[in-house]
Amino acid sequence: TPSNSHSLITPEDVPASAPSNVRVTVHEDGSVLIKWSSMSAEEARGRLLGYQVILSHNGSQTTETVISPWLEARGLLPGRLYTVRVAALTGAGPGPFSD
């Protein structure tokens, strides 16, 4: 007798929320270590491919994509104010960015 059950995988979605607990440490050599909490599978709502990190300064921005929940940024201009935002990334795209 044929079975009436079927298996399926629903499409993945973008992550539901931004990564939490974003922390920035400035080192004496001018490099900056940016860390955040890893995202759970439920929060990711798909296969977590990595994270997008945006560093903004005075209208210009740099976007880095990383796999680990941290980024070491080098080559930043001394004495400048930078804004850091982080989003988790699935195959459906990035989720919301951190504030």
PDB file of N, CA and C in Angstrom:
ATOM      1  N   THR A   1       0.847  -1.190   0.000  1.00  0.00           N
ATOM      2  CA  THR A   1       0.000   0.000   0.000  1.00  0.00           C
ATOM      3  C   THR A   1       0.885   1.243   0.000  1.00  0.00           C
ATOM      4  N   PRO A   2       0.602   2.198  -0.853  1.00  0.00           N
ATOM      5  CA  PRO A   2       1.414   3.419  -0.890  1.00  0.00           C
ATOM      6  C   PRO A   2       1.170   4.285   0.350  1.00  0.00           C
ATOM      7  N   SER A   3       2.210   4.945   0.755  1.00  0.00           N
ATOM      8  CA  SER A   3       2.121   5.836   1.919  1.00  0.00           C
ATOM      9  C   SER A   3       1.515   7.169   1.494  1.00  0.00           C
ATOM     10  N   ASN A   4       0.733   7.754   2.384  1.00  0.00           N
ATOM     11  CA  ASN A   4       0.156   9.069   2.108  1.00  0.00           C
ATOM     12  C   ASN A   4       0.959  10.198   2.742  1.00  0.00           C
ATOM     13  N   SER A   5       2.104   9.870   3.315  1.00  0.00           N
ATOM     14  CA  SER A   5       2.918  10.927   3.928  1.00  0.00           C
ATOM     15  C   SER A   5       3.977  11.402   2.940  1.00  0.00           C
ATOM     16  N   HIS A   6       4.314  12.663   3.047  1.00  0.00           N
ATOM     17  CA  HIS A   6       5.315  13.282   2.183  1.00  0.00           C
ATOM     18  C   HIS A   6       6.260  14.097   3.049  1.00  0.00           C
ATOM     19  N   SER A   7       7.489  14.151   2.643  1.00  0.00           N
ATOM     20  CA  SER A   7       8.475  14.981   3.333  1.00  0.00           C
ATOM     21  C   SER A   7       8.731  16.222   2.502  1.00  0.00           C
ATOM     22  N   LEU A   8       8.944  17.313   3.187  1.00  0.00           N
ATOM     23  CA  LEU A   8       9.266  18.545   2.482  1.00  0.00           C
ATOM     24  C   LEU A   8      10.095  19.430   3.390  1.00  0.00           C
ATOM     25  N   ILE A   9      10.792  20.328   2.785  1.00  0.00           N
ATOM     26  CA  ILE A   9      11.542  21.344   3.528  1.00  0.00           C
ATOM     27  C   ILE A   9      11.001  22.689   3.080  1.00  0.00           C
ATOM     28  N   THR A  10      10.577  23.489   4.035  1.00  0.00           N
ATOM     29  CA  THR A  10      10.061  24.813   3.692  1.00  0.00           C
ATOM     30  C   THR A  10      11.222  25.723   3.306  1.00  0.00           C
ATOM     31  N   PRO A  11      10.951  26.727   2.480  1.00  0.00           N
ATOM     32  CA  PRO A  11      12.031  27.627   2.070  1.00  0.00           C
ATOM     33  C   PRO A  11      12.583  28.401   3.265  1.00  0.00           C
ATOM     34  N   GLU A  12      13.874  28.678   3.201  1.00  0.00           N
ATOM     35  CA  GLU A  12      14.446  29.465   4.284  1.00  0.00           C
ATOM     36  C   GLU A  12      14.033  30.921   4.134  1.00  0.00           C
ATOM     37  N   ASP A  13      14.171  31.651   5.217  1.00  0.00           N
ATOM     38  CA  ASP A  13      13.798  33.060   5.261  1.00  0.00           C
ATOM     39  C   ASP A  13      15.023  33.842   5.701  1.00  0.00           C
ATOM     40  N   VAL A  14      14.918  35.161   5.682  1.00  0.00           N
ATOM     41  CA  VAL A  14      15.989  35.970   6.258  1.00  0.00           C
ATOM     42  C   VAL A  14      15.913  35.839   7.777  1.00  0.00           C
ATOM     43  N   PRO A  15      17.009  36.057   8.483  1.00  0.00           N
ATOM     44  CA  PRO A  15      16.971  35.957   9.943  1.00  0.00           C
ATOM     45  C   PRO A  15      15.931  36.887  10.559  1.00  0.00           C
ATOM     46  N   ALA A  16      15.361  36.441  11.676  1.00  0.00           N
ATOM     47  CA  ALA A  16      14.271  37.172  12.326  1.00  0.00           C
ATOM     48  C   ALA A  16      14.748  38.413  13.066  1.00  0.00           C
ATOM     49  N   SER A  17      15.998  38.391  13.533  1.00  0.00           N
ATOM     50  CA  SER A  17      16.474  39.508  14.344  1.00  0.00           C
ATOM     51  C   SER A  17      17.939  39.778  14.049  1.00  0.00           C
ATOM     52  N   ALA A  18      18.401  40.908  14.547  1.00  0.00           N
ATOM     53  CA  ALA A  18      19.809  41.272  14.398  1.00  0.00           C
ATOM     54  C   ALA A  18      20.643  40.516  15.431  1.00  0.00           C
ATOM     55  N   PRO A  19      21.911  40.284  15.138  1.00  0.00           N
ATOM     56  CA  PRO A  19      22.781  39.698  16.157  1.00  0.00           C
ATOM     57  C   PRO A  19      22.797  40.579  17.407  1.00  0.00           C
ATOM     58  N   SER A  20      22.900  39.936  18.564  1.00  0.00           N
ATOM     59  CA  SER A  20      22.867  40.681  19.823  1.00  0.00           C
ATOM     60  C   SER A  20      24.257  40.779  20.432  1.00  0.00           C
ATOM     61  N   ASN A  21      24.354  41.630  21.432  1.00  0.00           N
ATOM     62  CA  ASN A  21      25.570  41.766  22.230  1.00  0.00           C
ATOM     63  C   ASN A  21      26.780  42.149  21.381  1.00  0.00           C
ATOM     64  N   VAL A  22      26.603  43.127  20.480  1.00  0.00           N
ATOM     65  CA  VAL A  22      27.713  43.605  19.648  1.00  0.00           C
ATOM     66  C   VAL A  22      28.668  44.397  20.540  1.00  0.00           C
ATOM     67  N   ARG A  23      29.947  44.002  20.514  1.00  0.00           N
ATOM     68  CA  ARG A  23      30.967  44.655  21.341  1.00  0.00           C
ATOM     69  C   ARG A  23      32.144  45.058  20.455  1.00  0.00           C
ATOM     70  N   VAL A  24      32.740  46.197  20.764  1.00  0.00           N
ATOM     71  CA  VAL A  24      33.866  46.711  19.992  1.00  0.00           C
ATOM     72  C   VAL A  24      35.036  46.958  20.938  1.00  0.00           C
ATOM     73  N   THR A  25      36.206  46.447  20.572  1.00  0.00           N
ATOM     74  CA  THR A  25      37.427  46.676  21.340  1.00  0.00           C
ATOM     75  C   THR A  25      38.458  47.302  20.413  1.00  0.00           C
ATOM     76  N   VAL A  26      39.016  48.445  20.823  1.00  0.00           N
ATOM     77  CA  VAL A  26      40.052  49.122  20.039  1.00  0.00           C
ATOM     78  C   VAL A  26      41.409  48.735  20.622  1.00  0.00           C
ATOM     79  N   HIS A  27      42.299  48.261  19.755  1.00  0.00           N
ATOM     80  CA  HIS A  27      43.640  47.857  20.185  1.00  0.00           C
ATOM     81  C   HIS A  27      44.627  48.996  19.956  1.00  0.00           C
ATOM     82  N   GLU A  28      45.755  48.945  20.657  1.00  0.00           N
ATOM     83  CA  GLU A  28      46.755  50.010  20.560  1.00  0.00           C
ATOM     84  C   GLU A  28      47.320  50.168  19.158  1.00  0.00           C
ATOM     85  N   ASP A  29      47.349  49.089  18.379  1.00  0.00           N
ATOM     86  CA  ASP A  29      47.884  49.179  17.013  1.00  0.00           C
ATOM     87  C   ASP A  29      46.883  49.787  16.029  1.00  0.00           C
ATOM     88  N   GLY A  30      45.710  50.205  16.532  1.00  0.00           N
ATOM     89  CA  GLY A  30      44.705  50.835  15.682  1.00  0.00           C
ATOM     90  C   GLY A  30      43.684  49.869  15.111  1.00  0.00           C
ATOM     91  N   SER A  31      43.911  48.565  15.269  1.00  0.00           N
ATOM     92  CA  SER A  31      42.915  47.607  14.789  1.00  0.00           C
ATOM     93  C   SER A  31      41.729  47.586  15.752  1.00  0.00           C
ATOM     94  N   VAL A  32      40.600  47.146  15.239  1.00  0.00           N
ATOM     95  CA  VAL A  32      39.366  47.107  16.023  1.00  0.00           C
ATOM     96  C   VAL A  32      38.800  45.692  15.948  1.00  0.00           C
ATOM     97  N   LEU A  33      38.487  45.118  17.107  1.00  0.00           N
ATOM     98  CA  LEU A  33      37.871  43.797  17.159  1.00  0.00           C
ATOM     99  C   LEU A  33      36.387  43.972  17.443  1.00  0.00           C
ATOM    100  N   ILE A  34      35.555  43.478  16.530  1.00  0.00           N
ATOM    101  CA  ILE A  34      34.100  43.562  16.666  1.00  0.00           C
ATOM    102  C   ILE A  34      33.599  42.139  16.891  1.00  0.00           C
ATOM    103  N   LYS A  35      32.859  41.920  17.976  1.00  0.00           N
ATOM    104  CA  LYS A  35      32.329  40.591  18.310  1.00  0.00           C
ATOM    105  C   LYS A  35      30.837  40.707  18.584  1.00  0.00           C
ATOM    106  N   TRP A  36      30.117  39.605  18.396  1.00  0.00           N
ATOM    107  CA  TRP A  36      28.689  39.559  18.707  1.00  0.00           C
ATOM    108  C   TRP A  36      28.325  38.128  19.052  1.00  0.00           C
ATOM    109  N   SER A  37      27.146  37.942  19.603  1.00  0.00           N
ATOM    110  CA  SER A  37      26.690  36.602  19.985  1.00  0.00           C
ATOM    111  C   SER A  37      26.285  35.809  18.750  1.00  0.00           C
ATOM    112  N   SER A  38      26.625  34.525  18.745  1.00  0.00           N
ATOM    113  CA  SER A  38      26.207  33.643  17.653  1.00  0.00           C
ATOM    114  C   SER A  38      24.688  33.550  17.623  1.00  0.00           C
ATOM    115  N   MET A  39      24.145  33.305  16.446  1.00  0.00           N
ATOM    116  CA  MET A  39      22.697  33.228  16.287  1.00  0.00           C
ATOM    117  C   MET A  39      22.253  31.771  16.297  1.00  0.00           C
ATOM    118  N   SER A  40      21.148  31.495  16.973  1.00  0.00           N
ATOM    119  CA  SER A  40      20.606  30.135  17.008  1.00  0.00           C
ATOM    120  C   SER A  40      19.952  29.799  15.668  1.00  0.00           C
ATOM    121  N   ALA A  41      19.748  28.515  15.425  1.00  0.00           N
ATOM    122  CA  ALA A  41      19.099  28.070  14.186  1.00  0.00           C
ATOM    123  C   ALA A  41      17.679  28.621  14.083  1.00  0.00           C
ATOM    124  N   GLU A  42      16.979  28.704  15.215  1.00  0.00           N
ATOM    125  CA  GLU A  42      15.611  29.251  15.191  1.00  0.00           C
ATOM    126  C   GLU A  42      15.613  30.717  14.786  1.00  0.00           C
ATOM    127  N   GLU A  43      16.541  31.492  15.338  1.00  0.00           N
ATOM    128  CA  GLU A  43      16.621  32.914  14.991  1.00  0.00           C
ATOM    129  C   GLU A  43      17.036  33.107  13.535  1.00  0.00           C
ATOM    130  N   ALA A  44      17.901  32.220  13.042  1.00  0.00           N
ATOM    131  CA  ALA A  44      18.407  32.358  11.674  1.00  0.00           C
ATOM    132  C   ALA A  44      17.318  32.090  10.633  1.00  0.00           C
ATOM    133  N   ARG A  45      16.379  31.207  10.930  1.00  0.00           N
ATOM    134  CA  ARG A  45      15.279  30.839  10.025  1.00  0.00           C
ATOM    135  C   ARG A  45      15.779  30.322   8.680  1.00  0.00           C
ATOM    136  N   GLY A  46      16.893  29.627   8.705  1.00  0.00           N
ATOM    137  CA  GLY A  46      17.503  29.061   7.510  1.00  0.00           C
ATOM    138  C   GLY A  46      18.929  28.669   7.844  1.00  0.00           C
ATOM    139  N   ARG A  47      19.679  28.251   6.844  1.00  0.00           N
ATOM    140  CA  ARG A  47      21.080  27.894   7.076  1.00  0.00           C
ATOM    141  C   ARG A  47      21.900  29.165   7.184  1.00  0.00           C
ATOM    142  N   LEU A  48      22.516  29.362   8.328  1.00  0.00           N
ATOM    143  CA  LEU A  48      23.298  30.565   8.570  1.00  0.00           C
ATOM    144  C   LEU A  48      24.578  30.503   7.747  1.00  0.00           C
ATOM    145  N   LEU A  49      24.723  31.432   6.802  1.00  0.00           N
ATOM    146  CA  LEU A  49      25.895  31.458   5.931  1.00  0.00           C
ATOM    147  C   LEU A  49      27.005  32.320   6.502  1.00  0.00           C
ATOM    148  N   GLY A  50      26.654  33.246   7.381  1.00  0.00           N
ATOM    149  CA  GLY A  50      27.646  34.148   7.951  1.00  0.00           C
ATOM    150  C   GLY A  50      26.989  35.431   8.413  1.00  0.00           C
ATOM    151  N   TYR A  51      27.807  36.475   8.454  1.00  0.00           N
ATOM    152  CA  TYR A  51      27.342  37.770   8.952  1.00  0.00           C
ATOM    153  C   TYR A  51      27.873  38.874   8.047  1.00  0.00           C
ATOM    154  N   GLN A  52      27.070  39.911   7.854  1.00  0.00           N
ATOM    155  CA  GLN A  52      27.521  41.111   7.156  1.00  0.00           C
ATOM    156  C   GLN A  52      27.805  42.178   8.198  1.00  0.00           C
ATOM    157  N   VAL A  53      28.966  42.805   8.087  1.00  0.00           N
ATOM    158  CA  VAL A  53      29.363  43.867   9.002  1.00  0.00           C
ATOM    159  C   VAL A  53      29.573  45.125   8.175  1.00  0.00           C
ATOM    160  N   ILE A  54      28.879  46.200   8.550  1.00  0.00           N
ATOM    161  CA  ILE A  54      29.029  47.482   7.864  1.00  0.00           C
ATOM    162  C   ILE A  54      29.725  48.453   8.803  1.00  0.00           C
ATOM    163  N   LEU A  55      30.825  49.026   8.327  1.00  0.00           N
ATOM    164  CA  LEU A  55      31.538  50.087   9.035  1.00  0.00           C
ATOM    165  C   LEU A  55      31.298  51.376   8.262  1.00  0.00           C
ATOM    166  N   SER A  56      30.687  52.361   8.907  1.00  0.00           N
ATOM    167  CA  SER A  56      30.360  53.626   8.240  1.00  0.00           C
ATOM    168  C   SER A  56      31.125  54.770   8.891  1.00  0.00           C
ATOM    169  N   HIS A  57      31.576  55.708   8.050  1.00  0.00           N
ATOM    170  CA  HIS A  57      32.262  56.904   8.536  1.00  0.00           C
ATOM    171  C   HIS A  57      32.024  58.035   7.546  1.00  0.00           C
ATOM    172  N   ASN A  58      31.396  59.096   8.009  1.00  0.00           N
ATOM    173  CA  ASN A  58      31.270  60.325   7.226  1.00  0.00           C
ATOM    174  C   ASN A  58      30.701  60.078   5.825  1.00  0.00           C
ATOM    175  N   GLY A  59      29.661  59.256   5.734  1.00  0.00           N
ATOM    176  CA  GLY A  59      28.993  59.029   4.453  1.00  0.00           C
ATOM    177  C   GLY A  59      29.549  57.886   3.627  1.00  0.00           C
ATOM    178  N   SER A  60      30.716  57.373   3.975  1.00  0.00           N
ATOM    179  CA  SER A  60      31.247  56.228   3.232  1.00  0.00           C
ATOM    180  C   SER A  60      31.104  54.977   4.093  1.00  0.00           C
ATOM    181  N   GLN A  61      31.004  53.834   3.450  1.00  0.00           N
ATOM    182  CA  GLN A  61      30.859  52.600   4.216  1.00  0.00           C
ATOM    183  C   GLN A  61      31.615  51.460   3.560  1.00  0.00           C
ATOM    184  N   THR A  62      32.026  50.532   4.395  1.00  0.00           N
ATOM    185  CA  THR A  62      32.695  49.310   3.970  1.00  0.00           C
ATOM    186  C   THR A  62      31.870  48.141   4.483  1.00  0.00           C
ATOM    187  N   THR A  63      31.611  47.166   3.621  1.00  0.00           N
ATOM    188  CA  THR A  63      30.865  45.976   4.026  1.00  0.00           C
ATOM    189  C   THR A  63      31.786  44.767   3.951  1.00  0.00           C
ATOM    190  N   GLU A  64      31.830  44.016   5.037  1.00  0.00           N
ATOM    191  CA  GLU A  64      32.608  42.775   5.097  1.00  0.00           C
ATOM    192  C   GLU A  64      31.639  41.630   5.383  1.00  0.00           C
ATOM    193  N   THR A  65      31.874  40.481   4.775  1.00  0.00           N
ATOM    194  CA  THR A  65      31.095  39.281   5.079  1.00  0.00           C
ATOM    195  C   THR A  65      32.035  38.269   5.720  1.00  0.00           C
ATOM    196  N   VAL A  66      31.640  37.784   6.898  1.00  0.00           N
ATOM    197  CA  VAL A  66      32.475  36.848   7.653  1.00  0.00           C
ATOM    198  C   VAL A  66      31.636  35.638   8.063  1.00  0.00           C
ATOM    199  N   ILE A  67      32.303  34.537   8.344  1.00  0.00           N
ATOM    200  CA  ILE A  67      31.614  33.327   8.788  1.00  0.00           C
ATOM    201  C   ILE A  67      31.523  33.285  10.309  1.00  0.00           C
ATOM    202  N   SER A  68      32.595  33.678  10.976  1.00  0.00           N
ATOM    203  CA  SER A  68      32.647  33.656  12.443  1.00  0.00           C
ATOM    204  C   SER A  68      31.931  34.863  13.032  1.00  0.00           C
ATOM    205  N   PRO A  69      31.514  34.782  14.306  1.00  0.00           N
ATOM    206  CA  PRO A  69      30.828  35.921  14.937  1.00  0.00           C
ATOM    207  C   PRO A  69      31.808  36.975  15.455  1.00  0.00           C
ATOM    208  N   TRP A  70      32.771  37.346  14.616  1.00  0.00           N
ATOM    209  CA  TRP A  70      33.714  38.413  14.952  1.00  0.00           C
ATOM    210  C   TRP A  70      34.404  38.898  13.682  1.00  0.00           C
ATOM    211  N   LEU A  71      34.941  40.102  13.756  1.00  0.00           N
ATOM    212  CA  LEU A  71      35.701  40.683  12.648  1.00  0.00           C
ATOM    213  C   LEU A  71      36.791  41.551  13.237  1.00  0.00           C
ATOM    214  N   GLU A  72      38.005  41.404  12.725  1.00  0.00           N
ATOM    215  CA  GLU A  72      39.085  42.313  13.093  1.00  0.00           C
ATOM    216  C   GLU A  72      39.260  43.291  11.940  1.00  0.00           C
ATOM    217  N   ALA A  73      38.971  44.555  12.209  1.00  0.00           N
ATOM    218  CA  ALA A  73      39.057  45.595  11.180  1.00  0.00           C
ATOM    219  C   ALA A  73      40.377  46.340  11.338  1.00  0.00           C
ATOM    220  N   ARG A  74      41.056  46.532  10.223  1.00  0.00           N
ATOM    221  CA  ARG A  74      42.329  47.262  10.219  1.00  0.00           C
ATOM    222  C   ARG A  74      42.244  48.404   9.216  1.00  0.00           C
ATOM    223  N   GLY A  75      43.151  49.344   9.335  1.00  0.00           N
ATOM    224  CA  GLY A  75      43.221  50.432   8.362  1.00  0.00           C
ATOM    225  C   GLY A  75      42.190  51.523   8.567  1.00  0.00           C
ATOM    226  N   LEU A  76      41.564  51.562   9.739  1.00  0.00           N
ATOM    227  CA  LEU A  76      40.611  52.637  10.018  1.00  0.00           C
ATOM    228  C   LEU A  76      41.384  53.920  10.311  1.00  0.00           C
ATOM    229  N   LEU A  77      40.799  55.046   9.965  1.00  0.00           N
ATOM    230  CA  LEU A  77      41.460  56.330  10.182  1.00  0.00           C
ATOM    231  C   LEU A  77      41.459  56.682  11.664  1.00  0.00           C
ATOM    232  N   PRO A  78      42.582  57.142  12.203  1.00  0.00           N
ATOM    233  CA  PRO A  78      42.633  57.477  13.629  1.00  0.00           C
ATOM    234  C   PRO A  78      41.794  58.709  13.957  1.00  0.00           C
ATOM    235  N   GLY A  79      41.219  58.726  15.152  1.00  0.00           N
ATOM    236  CA  GLY A  79      40.474  59.888  15.627  1.00  0.00           C
ATOM    237  C   GLY A  79      39.144  60.116  14.936  1.00  0.00           C
ATOM    238  N   ARG A  80      38.600  59.116  14.265  1.00  0.00           N
ATOM    239  CA  ARG A  80      37.332  59.264  13.544  1.00  0.00           C
ATOM    240  C   ARG A  80      36.244  58.459  14.241  1.00  0.00           C
ATOM    241  N   LEU A  81      35.004  58.899  14.076  1.00  0.00           N
ATOM    242  CA  LEU A  81      33.853  58.182  14.624  1.00  0.00           C
ATOM    243  C   LEU A  81      33.316  57.234  13.554  1.00  0.00           C
ATOM    244  N   TYR A  82      33.275  55.962  13.868  1.00  0.00           N
ATOM    245  CA  TYR A  82      32.728  54.944  12.973  1.00  0.00           C
ATOM    246  C   TYR A  82      31.459  54.367  13.584  1.00  0.00           C
ATOM    247  N   THR A  83      30.514  54.004  12.729  1.00  0.00           N
ATOM    248  CA  THR A  83      29.309  53.294  13.146  1.00  0.00           C
ATOM    249  C   THR A  83      29.447  51.851  12.672  1.00  0.00           C
ATOM    250  N   VAL A  84      29.137  50.911  13.560  1.00  0.00           N
ATOM    251  CA  VAL A  84      29.236  49.483  13.247  1.00  0.00           C
ATOM    252  C   VAL A  84      27.842  48.877  13.308  1.00  0.00           C
ATOM    253  N   ARG A  85      27.461  48.157  12.244  1.00  0.00           N
ATOM    254  CA  ARG A  85      26.185  47.442  12.233  1.00  0.00           C
ATOM    255  C   ARG A  85      26.435  46.030  11.725  1.00  0.00           C
ATOM    256  N   VAL A  86      25.721  45.066  12.313  1.00  0.00           N
ATOM    257  CA  VAL A  86      25.931  43.654  11.988  1.00  0.00           C
ATOM    258  C   VAL A  86      24.589  43.004  11.674  1.00  0.00           C
ATOM    259  N   ALA A  87      24.556  42.171  10.628  1.00  0.00           N
ATOM    260  CA  ALA A  87      23.355  41.401  10.277  1.00  0.00           C
ATOM    261  C   ALA A  87      23.760  39.958  10.005  1.00  0.00           C
ATOM    262  N   ALA A  88      22.892  39.024  10.362  1.00  0.00           N
ATOM    263  CA  ALA A  88      23.102  37.614  10.028  1.00  0.00           C
ATOM    264  C   ALA A  88      22.634  37.383   8.592  1.00  0.00           C
ATOM    265  N   LEU A  89      23.201  36.372   7.945  1.00  0.00           N
ATOM    266  CA  LEU A  89      22.964  36.146   6.527  1.00  0.00           C
ATOM    267  C   LEU A  89      22.585  34.690   6.274  1.00  0.00           C
ATOM    268  N   THR A  90      21.459  34.481   5.574  1.00  0.00           N
ATOM    269  CA  THR A  90      21.074  33.148   5.092  1.00  0.00           C
ATOM    270  C   THR A  90      21.004  33.207   3.569  1.00  0.00           C
ATOM    271  N   GLY A  91      20.646  32.101   2.949  1.00  0.00           N
ATOM    272  CA  GLY A  91      20.496  32.079   1.501  1.00  0.00           C
ATOM    273  C   GLY A  91      19.408  33.015   1.000  1.00  0.00           C
ATOM    274  N   ALA A  92      18.483  33.400   1.883  1.00  0.00           N
ATOM    275  CA  ALA A  92      17.414  34.331   1.508  1.00  0.00           C
ATOM    276  C   ALA A  92      17.860  35.787   1.626  1.00  0.00           C
ATOM    277  N   GLY A  93      19.048  36.009   2.198  1.00  0.00           N
ATOM    278  CA  GLY A  93      19.567  37.371   2.319  1.00  0.00           C
ATOM    279  C   GLY A  93      19.857  37.743   3.756  1.00  0.00           C
ATOM    280  N   PRO A  94      20.266  39.002   3.969  1.00  0.00           N
ATOM    281  CA  PRO A  94      20.565  39.452   5.328  1.00  0.00           C
ATOM    282  C   PRO A  94      19.296  39.775   6.100  1.00  0.00           C
ATOM    283  N   GLY A  95      19.366  39.577   7.397  1.00  0.00           N
ATOM    284  CA  GLY A  95      18.277  39.975   8.286  1.00  0.00           C
ATOM    285  C   GLY A  95      18.459  41.420   8.703  1.00  0.00           C
ATOM    286  N   PRO A  96      17.744  41.844   9.739  1.00  0.00           N
ATOM    287  CA  PRO A  96      17.880  43.216  10.210  1.00  0.00           C
ATOM    288  C   PRO A  96      19.285  43.474  10.765  1.00  0.00           C
ATOM    289  N   PHE A  97      19.738  44.701  10.616  1.00  0.00           N
ATOM    290  CA  PHE A  97      21.042  45.091  11.147  1.00  0.00           C
ATOM    291  C   PHE A  97      20.904  45.553  12.589  1.00  0.00           C
ATOM    292  N   SER A  98      21.973  45.350  13.353  1.00  0.00           N
ATOM    293  CA  SER A  98      22.010  45.826  14.737  1.00  0.00           C
ATOM    294  C   SER A  98      21.985  47.352  14.735  1.00  0.00           C
ATOM    295  N   ASP A  99      21.551  47.925  15.846  1.00  0.00           N
ATOM    296  CA  ASP A  99      21.512  49.390  15.973  1.00  0.00           C
ATOM    297  C   ASP A  99      22.871  49.927  16.357  1.00  0.00           C
TER     298      ASP A  99
END
